[in-house]
Amino acid sequence: MKTDNSEDKKYLFDKPASMKILAWSFFLSLVFLLALEFFIHKHTNFPQEEWPEFYCVFAFVGFVALVLSAKYILRPLVKRREDYYD
C-alpha cells in the first residue's frame, strides 16, 4: 500500500528546467516591454517623463531608497536587545 508522501510529489516550481523557462520568459518579456516603450507615444506632465526608460529608473531608485532606509533608519528604531524576551 502506497502512502501519500509529500516528498514523492514533484511540482512545477521544483523542476530546474521549468524554472529556467520561467526565468527566460520573464527576461524576454522585460526586454520586449522596454523596447516597446520607444514606439509608444506618451502624454507627459513633466519633461523628465519624456526621458527613455524614466519610470524603470525611477522605480529602481525608489526601491533602493526604500530598502536602505528600512535597513539603516527604521531597523535601529524597532530593533530589540538580544535578551529582550528573557
PDB file of N, CA and C in Angstrom:
ATOM      1  N   MET A   1       0.838  -1.177   0.000  1.00  0.00           N
ATOM      2  CA  MET A   1       0.000   0.000   0.000  1.00  0.00           C
ATOM      3  C   MET A   1       0.883   1.239   0.000  1.00  0.00           C
ATOM      4  N   LYS A   2       0.638   2.120  -0.938  1.00  0.00           N
ATOM      5  CA  LYS A   2       1.442   3.331  -1.061  1.00  0.00           C
ATOM      6  C   LYS A   2       0.794   4.447  -0.253  1.00  0.00           C
ATOM      7  N   THR A   3       1.614   5.104   0.549  1.00  0.00           N
ATOM      8  CA  THR A   3       1.107   6.225   1.334  1.00  0.00           C
ATOM      9  C   THR A   3       1.356   7.525   0.591  1.00  0.00           C
ATOM     10  N   ASP A   4       0.558   8.515   0.886  1.00  0.00           N
ATOM     11  CA  ASP A   4       0.698   9.830   0.249  1.00  0.00           C
ATOM     12  C   ASP A   4       1.788  10.598   0.978  1.00  0.00           C
ATOM     13  N   ASN A   5       2.946  10.640   0.389  1.00  0.00           N
ATOM     14  CA  ASN A   5       4.080  11.326   0.987  1.00  0.00           C
ATOM     15  C   ASN A   5       4.359  12.589   0.179  1.00  0.00           C
ATOM     16  N   SER A   6       4.533  13.714   0.857  1.00  0.00           N
ATOM     17  CA  SER A   6       4.736  14.975   0.152  1.00  0.00           C
ATOM     18  C   SER A   6       6.092  15.026  -0.544  1.00  0.00           C
ATOM     19  N   GLU A   7       7.027  14.155  -0.160  1.00  0.00           N
ATOM     20  CA  GLU A   7       8.336  14.131  -0.808  1.00  0.00           C
ATOM     21  C   GLU A   7       8.273  13.449  -2.178  1.00  0.00           C
ATOM     22  N   ASP A   8       7.251  12.645  -2.417  1.00  0.00           N
ATOM     23  CA  ASP A   8       7.111  11.950  -3.693  1.00  0.00           C
ATOM     24  C   ASP A   8       6.590  12.857  -4.797  1.00  0.00           C
ATOM     25  N   LYS A   9       5.883  13.897  -4.443  1.00  0.00           N
ATOM     26  CA  LYS A   9       5.280  14.770  -5.438  1.00  0.00           C
ATOM     27  C   LYS A   9       6.309  15.746  -5.989  1.00  0.00           C
ATOM     28  N   LYS A  10       6.238  15.956  -7.275  1.00  0.00           N
ATOM     29  CA  LYS A  10       7.065  16.962  -7.932  1.00  0.00           C
ATOM     30  C   LYS A  10       6.142  18.025  -8.503  1.00  0.00           C
ATOM     31  N   TYR A  11       6.366  19.232  -8.095  1.00  0.00           N
ATOM     32  CA  TYR A  11       5.546  20.330  -8.563  1.00  0.00           C
ATOM     33  C   TYR A  11       6.281  21.098  -9.655  1.00  0.00           C
ATOM     34  N   LEU A  12       5.567  22.047 -10.263  1.00  0.00           N
ATOM     35  CA  LEU A  12       6.105  22.791 -11.392  1.00  0.00           C
ATOM     36  C   LEU A  12       7.363  23.568 -11.012  1.00  0.00           C
ATOM     37  N   PHE A  13       7.364  24.222  -9.866  1.00  0.00           N
ATOM     38  CA  PHE A  13       8.492  25.062  -9.482  1.00  0.00           C
ATOM     39  C   PHE A  13       9.622  24.281  -8.813  1.00  0.00           C
ATOM     40  N   ASP A  14       9.476  22.977  -8.678  1.00  0.00           N
ATOM     41  CA  ASP A  14      10.545  22.143  -8.140  1.00  0.00           C
ATOM     42  C   ASP A  14      11.531  21.716  -9.219  1.00  0.00           C
ATOM     43  N   LYS A  15      11.130  21.790 -10.454  1.00  0.00           N
ATOM     44  CA  LYS A  15      11.974  21.320 -11.555  1.00  0.00           C
ATOM     45  C   LYS A  15      12.880  22.449 -12.050  1.00  0.00           C
ATOM     46  N   PRO A  16      14.182  22.229 -12.141  1.00  0.00           N
ATOM     47  CA  PRO A  16      15.091  23.272 -12.620  1.00  0.00           C
ATOM     48  C   PRO A  16      14.812  23.686 -14.062  1.00  0.00           C
ATOM     49  N   ALA A  17      14.366  22.761 -14.893  1.00  0.00           N
ATOM     50  CA  ALA A  17      14.092  23.100 -16.293  1.00  0.00           C
ATOM     51  C   ALA A  17      12.924  24.080 -16.405  1.00  0.00           C
ATOM     52  N   SER A  18      11.882  23.853 -15.625  1.00  0.00           N
ATOM     53  CA  SER A  18      10.742  24.769 -15.690  1.00  0.00           C
ATOM     54  C   SER A  18      11.091  26.130 -15.090  1.00  0.00           C
ATOM     55  N   MET A  19      11.967  26.156 -14.100  1.00  0.00           N
ATOM     56  CA  MET A  19      12.403  27.438 -13.541  1.00  0.00           C
ATOM     57  C   MET A  19      13.238  28.219 -14.550  1.00  0.00           C
ATOM     58  N   LYS A  20      14.041  27.513 -15.326  1.00  0.00           N
ATOM     59  CA  LYS A  20      14.840  28.165 -16.358  1.00  0.00           C
ATOM     60  C   LYS A  20      13.941  28.748 -17.438  1.00  0.00           C
ATOM     61  N   ILE A  21      12.911  28.010 -17.834  1.00  0.00           N
ATOM     62  CA  ILE A  21      11.958  28.502 -18.836  1.00  0.00           C
ATOM     63  C   ILE A  21      11.218  29.723 -18.299  1.00  0.00           C
ATOM     64  N   LEU A  22      10.809  29.678 -17.047  1.00  0.00           N
ATOM     65  CA  LEU A  22      10.101  30.792 -16.444  1.00  0.00           C
ATOM     66  C   LEU A  22      10.991  32.032 -16.361  1.00  0.00           C
ATOM     67  N   ALA A  23      12.244  31.863 -15.960  1.00  0.00           N
ATOM     68  CA  ALA A  23      13.165  32.992 -15.865  1.00  0.00           C
ATOM     69  C   ALA A  23      13.411  33.614 -17.236  1.00  0.00           C
ATOM     70  N   TRP A  24      13.589  32.776 -18.249  1.00  0.00           N
ATOM     71  CA  TRP A  24      13.808  33.301 -19.600  1.00  0.00           C
ATOM     72  C   TRP A  24      12.560  34.005 -20.133  1.00  0.00           C
ATOM     73  N   SER A  25      11.396  33.496 -19.813  1.00  0.00           N
ATOM     74  CA  SER A  25      10.170  34.156 -20.273  1.00  0.00           C
ATOM     75  C   SER A  25       9.998  35.514 -19.605  1.00  0.00           C
ATOM     76  N   PHE A  26      10.328  35.614 -18.320  1.00  0.00           N
ATOM     77  CA  PHE A  26      10.291  36.918 -17.648  1.00  0.00           C
ATOM     78  C   PHE A  26      11.309  37.872 -18.259  1.00  0.00           C
ATOM     79  N   PHE A  27      12.508  37.388 -18.539  1.00  0.00           N
ATOM     80  CA  PHE A  27      13.556  38.218 -19.122  1.00  0.00           C
ATOM     81  C   PHE A  27      13.159  38.707 -20.515  1.00  0.00           C
ATOM     82  N   LEU A  28      12.624  37.822 -21.330  1.00  0.00           N
ATOM     83  CA  LEU A  28      12.223  38.224 -22.676  1.00  0.00           C
ATOM     84  C   LEU A  28      11.041  39.190 -22.658  1.00  0.00           C
ATOM     85  N   SER A  29      10.111  39.002 -21.738  1.00  0.00           N
ATOM     86  CA  SER A  29       9.000  39.950 -21.643  1.00  0.00           C
ATOM     87  C   SER A  29       9.486  41.313 -21.161  1.00  0.00           C
ATOM     88  N   LEU A  30      10.480  41.341 -20.285  1.00  0.00           N
ATOM     89  CA  LEU A  30      11.070  42.601 -19.845  1.00  0.00           C
ATOM     90  C   LEU A  30      11.728  43.327 -21.010  1.00  0.00           C
ATOM     91  N   VAL A  31      12.514  42.618 -21.783  1.00  0.00           N
ATOM     92  CA  VAL A  31      13.175  43.222 -22.942  1.00  0.00           C
ATOM     93  C   VAL A  31      12.137  43.718 -23.943  1.00  0.00           C
ATOM     94  N   PHE A  32      11.098  42.944 -24.175  1.00  0.00           N
ATOM     95  CA  PHE A  32      10.035  43.348 -25.105  1.00  0.00           C
ATOM     96  C   PHE A  32       9.360  44.630 -24.631  1.00  0.00           C
ATOM     97  N   LEU A  33       9.021  44.709 -23.350  1.00  0.00           N
ATOM     98  CA  LEU A  33       8.343  45.895 -22.839  1.00  0.00           C
ATOM     99  C   LEU A  33       9.256  47.116 -22.839  1.00  0.00           C
ATOM    100  N   LEU A  34      10.548  46.916 -22.553  1.00  0.00           N
ATOM    101  CA  LEU A  34      11.481  48.039 -22.612  1.00  0.00           C
ATOM    102  C   LEU A  34      11.642  48.547 -24.040  1.00  0.00           C
ATOM    103  N   ALA A  35      11.692  47.659 -25.003  1.00  0.00           N
ATOM    104  CA  ALA A  35      11.802  48.065 -26.405  1.00  0.00           C
ATOM    105  C   ALA A  35      10.505  48.708 -26.889  1.00  0.00           C
ATOM    106  N   LEU A  36       9.377  48.242 -26.396  1.00  0.00           N
ATOM    107  CA  LEU A  36       8.089  48.779 -26.808  1.00  0.00           C
ATOM    108  C   LEU A  36       7.906  50.230 -26.382  1.00  0.00           C
ATOM    109  N   GLU A  37       8.552  50.621 -25.311  1.00  0.00           N
ATOM    110  CA  GLU A  37       8.408  51.984 -24.811  1.00  0.00           C
ATOM    111  C   GLU A  37       8.929  53.024 -25.810  1.00  0.00           C
ATOM    112  N   PHE A  38       9.879  52.658 -26.660  1.00  0.00           N
ATOM    113  CA  PHE A  38      10.407  53.590 -27.640  1.00  0.00           C
ATOM    114  C   PHE A  38       9.405  53.881 -28.764  1.00  0.00           C
ATOM    115  N   PHE A  39       8.409  53.035 -28.948  1.00  0.00           N
ATOM    116  CA  PHE A  39       7.462  53.180 -30.042  1.00  0.00           C
ATOM    117  C   PHE A  39       6.096  53.700 -29.614  1.00  0.00           C
ATOM    118  N   ILE A  40       5.867  53.862 -28.325  1.00  0.00           N
ATOM    119  CA  ILE A  40       4.572  54.300 -27.825  1.00  0.00           C
ATOM    120  C   ILE A  40       4.650  55.782 -27.481  1.00  0.00           C
ATOM    121  N   HIS A  41       3.674  56.538 -27.954  1.00  0.00           N
ATOM    122  CA  HIS A  41       3.627  57.965 -27.655  1.00  0.00           C
ATOM    123  C   HIS A  41       3.098  58.169 -26.239  1.00  0.00           C
ATOM    124  N   LYS A  42       3.796  59.018 -25.480  1.00  0.00           N
ATOM    125  CA  LYS A  42       3.398  59.267 -24.101  1.00  0.00           C
ATOM    126  C   LYS A  42       2.919  60.707 -23.961  1.00  0.00           C
ATOM    127  N   HIS A  43       1.868  60.905 -23.200  1.00  0.00           N
ATOM    128  CA  HIS A  43       1.394  62.237 -22.845  1.00  0.00           C
ATOM    129  C   HIS A  43       1.939  62.537 -21.453  1.00  0.00           C
ATOM    130  N   THR A  44       2.927  63.420 -21.379  1.00  0.00           N
ATOM    131  CA  THR A  44       3.626  63.641 -20.122  1.00  0.00           C
ATOM    132  C   THR A  44       3.230  64.975 -19.495  1.00  0.00           C
ATOM    133  N   ASN A  45       3.414  65.041 -18.200  1.00  0.00           N
ATOM    134  CA  ASN A  45       3.184  66.276 -17.465  1.00  0.00           C
ATOM    135  C   ASN A  45       4.479  67.012 -17.167  1.00  0.00           C
ATOM    136  N   PHE A  46       5.564  66.270 -17.036  1.00  0.00           N
ATOM    137  CA  PHE A  46       6.857  66.848 -16.702  1.00  0.00           C
ATOM    138  C   PHE A  46       7.865  66.460 -17.775  1.00  0.00           C
ATOM    139  N   PRO A  47       8.870  67.297 -18.014  1.00  0.00           N
ATOM    140  CA  PRO A  47       9.846  66.970 -19.067  1.00  0.00           C
ATOM    141  C   PRO A  47      10.666  65.709 -18.771  1.00  0.00           C
ATOM    142  N   GLN A  48      10.866  65.379 -17.513  1.00  0.00           N
ATOM    143  CA  GLN A  48      11.639  64.195 -17.169  1.00  0.00           C
ATOM    144  C   GLN A  48      10.950  62.915 -17.619  1.00  0.00           C
ATOM    145  N   GLU A  49       9.642  62.945 -17.704  1.00  0.00           N
ATOM    146  CA  GLU A  49       8.898  61.755 -18.109  1.00  0.00           C
ATOM    147  C   GLU A  49       9.133  61.392 -19.572  1.00  0.00           C
ATOM    148  N   GLU A  50       9.677  62.305 -20.341  1.00  0.00           N
ATOM    149  CA  GLU A  50       9.974  62.029 -21.743  1.00  0.00           C
ATOM    150  C   GLU A  50      11.289  61.286 -21.932  1.00  0.00           C
ATOM    151  N   TRP A  51      12.107  61.224 -20.876  1.00  0.00           N
ATOM    152  CA  TRP A  51      13.378  60.503 -20.974  1.00  0.00           C
ATOM    153  C   TRP A  51      13.102  59.024 -21.221  1.00  0.00           C
ATOM    154  N   PRO A  52      13.962  58.372 -22.011  1.00  0.00           N
ATOM    155  CA  PRO A  52      13.743  56.935 -22.234  1.00  0.00           C
ATOM    156  C   PRO A  52      13.917  56.144 -20.937  1.00  0.00           C
ATOM    157  N   GLU A  53      13.000  55.243 -20.697  1.00  0.00           N
ATOM    158  CA  GLU A  53      13.023  54.347 -19.531  1.00  0.00           C
ATOM    159  C   GLU A  53      13.026  55.105 -18.205  1.00  0.00           C
ATOM    160  N   PHE A  54      12.374  56.270 -18.154  1.00  0.00           N
ATOM    161  CA  PHE A  54      12.333  57.072 -16.934  1.00  0.00           C
ATOM    162  C   PHE A  54      11.672  56.315 -15.789  1.00  0.00           C
ATOM    163  N   TYR A  55      10.553  55.673 -16.060  1.00  0.00           N
ATOM    164  CA  TYR A  55       9.812  55.005 -14.988  1.00  0.00           C
ATOM    165  C   TYR A  55      10.557  53.787 -14.445  1.00  0.00           C
ATOM    166  N   CYS A  56      11.331  53.113 -15.276  1.00  0.00           N
ATOM    167  CA  CYS A  56      12.138  51.987 -14.804  1.00  0.00           C
ATOM    168  C   CYS A  56      13.210  52.472 -13.838  1.00  0.00           C
ATOM    169  N   VAL A  57      13.898  53.536 -14.224  1.00  0.00           N
ATOM    170  CA  VAL A  57      14.960  54.082 -13.371  1.00  0.00           C
ATOM    171  C   VAL A  57      14.360  54.661 -12.096  1.00  0.00           C
ATOM    172  N   PHE A  58      13.244  55.354 -12.217  1.00  0.00           N
ATOM    173  CA  PHE A  58      12.586  55.940 -11.056  1.00  0.00           C
ATOM    174  C   PHE A  58      12.158  54.868 -10.054  1.00  0.00           C
ATOM    175  N   ALA A  59      11.590  53.782 -10.548  1.00  0.00           N
ATOM    176  CA  ALA A  59      11.159  52.691  -9.671  1.00  0.00           C
ATOM    177  C   ALA A  59      12.356  52.014  -9.011  1.00  0.00           C
ATOM    178  N   PHE A  60      13.441  51.815  -9.765  1.00  0.00           N
ATOM    179  CA  PHE A  60      14.624  51.175  -9.191  1.00  0.00           C
ATOM    180  C   PHE A  60      15.239  52.046  -8.101  1.00  0.00           C
ATOM    181  N   VAL A  61      15.360  53.340  -8.349  1.00  0.00           N
ATOM    182  CA  VAL A  61      15.915  54.250  -7.342  1.00  0.00           C
ATOM    183  C   VAL A  61      15.016  54.292  -6.112  1.00  0.00           C
ATOM    184  N   GLY A  62      13.709  54.317  -6.307  1.00  0.00           N
ATOM    185  CA  GLY A  62      12.784  54.296  -5.182  1.00  0.00           C
ATOM    186  C   GLY A  62      12.876  53.015  -4.377  1.00  0.00           C
ATOM    187  N   PHE A  63      13.032  51.886  -5.049  1.00  0.00           N
ATOM    188  CA  PHE A  63      13.165  50.600  -4.365  1.00  0.00           C
ATOM    189  C   PHE A  63      14.445  50.553  -3.540  1.00  0.00           C
ATOM    190  N   VAL A  64      15.556  51.010  -4.117  1.00  0.00           N
ATOM    191  CA  VAL A  64      16.830  51.018  -3.390  1.00  0.00           C
ATOM    192  C   VAL A  64      16.746  51.964  -2.195  1.00  0.00           C
ATOM    193  N   ALA A  65      16.125  53.121  -2.366  1.00  0.00           N
ATOM    194  CA  ALA A  65      15.974  54.057  -1.253  1.00  0.00           C
ATOM    195  C   ALA A  65      15.112  53.460  -0.145  1.00  0.00           C
ATOM    196  N   LEU A  66      14.065  52.757  -0.505  1.00  0.00           N
ATOM    197  CA  LEU A  66      13.193  52.128   0.491  1.00  0.00           C
ATOM    198  C   LEU A  66      13.939  51.058   1.280  1.00  0.00           C
ATOM    199  N   VAL A  67      14.705  50.221   0.593  1.00  0.00           N
ATOM    200  CA  VAL A  67      15.455  49.158   1.274  1.00  0.00           C
ATOM    201  C   VAL A  67      16.520  49.756   2.192  1.00  0.00           C
ATOM    202  N   LEU A  68      17.255  50.748   1.709  1.00  0.00           N
ATOM    203  CA  LEU A  68      18.308  51.353   2.531  1.00  0.00           C
ATOM    204  C   LEU A  68      17.729  52.102   3.727  1.00  0.00           C
ATOM    205  N   SER A  69      16.609  52.786   3.542  1.00  0.00           N
ATOM    206  CA  SER A  69      16.006  53.474   4.682  1.00  0.00           C
ATOM    207  C   SER A  69      15.459  52.473   5.698  1.00  0.00           C
ATOM    208  N   ALA A  70      14.938  51.353   5.233  1.00  0.00           N
ATOM    209  CA  ALA A  70      14.457  50.334   6.162  1.00  0.00           C
ATOM    210  C   ALA A  70      15.611  49.714   6.932  1.00  0.00           C
ATOM    211  N   LYS A  71      16.737  49.547   6.284  1.00  0.00           N
ATOM    212  CA  LYS A  71      17.872  48.892   6.931  1.00  0.00           C
ATOM    213  C   LYS A  71      18.591  49.812   7.905  1.00  0.00           C
ATOM    214  N   TYR A  72      18.824  51.048   7.506  1.00  0.00           N
ATOM    215  CA  TYR A  72      19.672  51.921   8.309  1.00  0.00           C
ATOM    216  C   TYR A  72      18.915  52.937   9.155  1.00  0.00           C
ATOM    217  N   ILE A  73      17.652  53.187   8.880  1.00  0.00           N
ATOM    218  CA  ILE A  73      16.892  54.164   9.667  1.00  0.00           C
ATOM    219  C   ILE A  73      15.829  53.478  10.511  1.00  0.00           C
ATOM    220  N   LEU A  74      14.992  52.653   9.882  1.00  0.00           N
ATOM    221  CA  LEU A  74      13.877  52.040  10.605  1.00  0.00           C
ATOM    222  C   LEU A  74      14.296  50.871  11.478  1.00  0.00           C
ATOM    223  N   ARG A  75      15.250  50.074  11.037  1.00  0.00           N
ATOM    224  CA  ARG A  75      15.659  48.912  11.824  1.00  0.00           C
ATOM    225  C   ARG A  75      16.211  49.299  13.185  1.00  0.00           C
ATOM    226  N   PRO A  76      17.092  50.299  13.293  1.00  0.00           N
ATOM    227  CA  PRO A  76      17.547  50.673  14.631  1.00  0.00           C
ATOM    228  C   PRO A  76      16.436  51.202  15.530  1.00  0.00           C
ATOM    229  N   LEU A  77      15.378  51.735  14.957  1.00  0.00           N
ATOM    230  CA  LEU A  77      14.276  52.239  15.772  1.00  0.00           C
ATOM    231  C   LEU A  77      13.444  51.120  16.387  1.00  0.00           C
ATOM    232  N   VAL A  78      13.256  50.021  15.686  1.00  0.00           N
ATOM    233  CA  VAL A  78      12.393  48.949  16.178  1.00  0.00           C
ATOM    234  C   VAL A  78      13.172  47.732  16.686  1.00  0.00           C
ATOM    235  N   LYS A  79      14.472  47.737  16.573  1.00  0.00           N
ATOM    236  CA  LYS A  79      15.276  46.587  16.992  1.00  0.00           C
ATOM    237  C   LYS A  79      15.303  46.481  18.521  1.00  0.00           C
ATOM    238  N   ARG A  80      15.222  45.272  19.008  1.00  0.00           N
ATOM    239  CA  ARG A  80      15.269  44.999  20.451  1.00  0.00           C
ATOM    240  C   ARG A  80      16.596  44.331  20.805  1.00  0.00           C
ATOM    241  N   ARG A  81      16.945  44.421  22.078  1.00  0.00           N
ATOM    242  CA  ARG A  81      18.148  43.748  22.545  1.00  0.00           C
ATOM    243  C   ARG A  81      17.983  42.251  22.390  1.00  0.00           C
ATOM    244  N   GLU A  82      19.081  41.535  22.364  1.00  0.00           N
ATOM    245  CA  GLU A  82      19.021  40.092  22.160  1.00  0.00           C
ATOM    246  C   GLU A  82      18.327  39.379  23.306  1.00  0.00           C
ATOM    247  N   ASP A  83      18.448  39.892  24.512  1.00  0.00           N
ATOM    248  CA  ASP A  83      17.826  39.251  25.691  1.00  0.00           C
ATOM    249  C   ASP A  83      16.510  39.944  26.073  1.00  0.00           C
ATOM    250  N   TYR A  84      15.848  40.561  25.147  1.00  0.00           N
ATOM    251  CA  TYR A  84      14.617  41.331  25.435  1.00  0.00           C
ATOM    252  C   TYR A  84      13.514  40.437  25.985  1.00  0.00           C
ATOM    253  N   TYR A  85      13.342  39.249  25.454  1.00  0.00           N
ATOM    254  CA  TYR A  85      12.246  38.372  25.860  1.00  0.00           C
ATOM    255  C   TYR A  85      12.628  37.398  26.980  1.00  0.00           C
ATOM    256  N   ASP A  86      13.827  37.471  27.474  1.00  0.00           N
ATOM    257  CA  ASP A  86      14.240  36.567  28.562  1.00  0.00           C
ATOM    258  C   ASP A  86      13.772  37.019  29.911  1.00  0.00           C
TER     259      ASP A  86
END
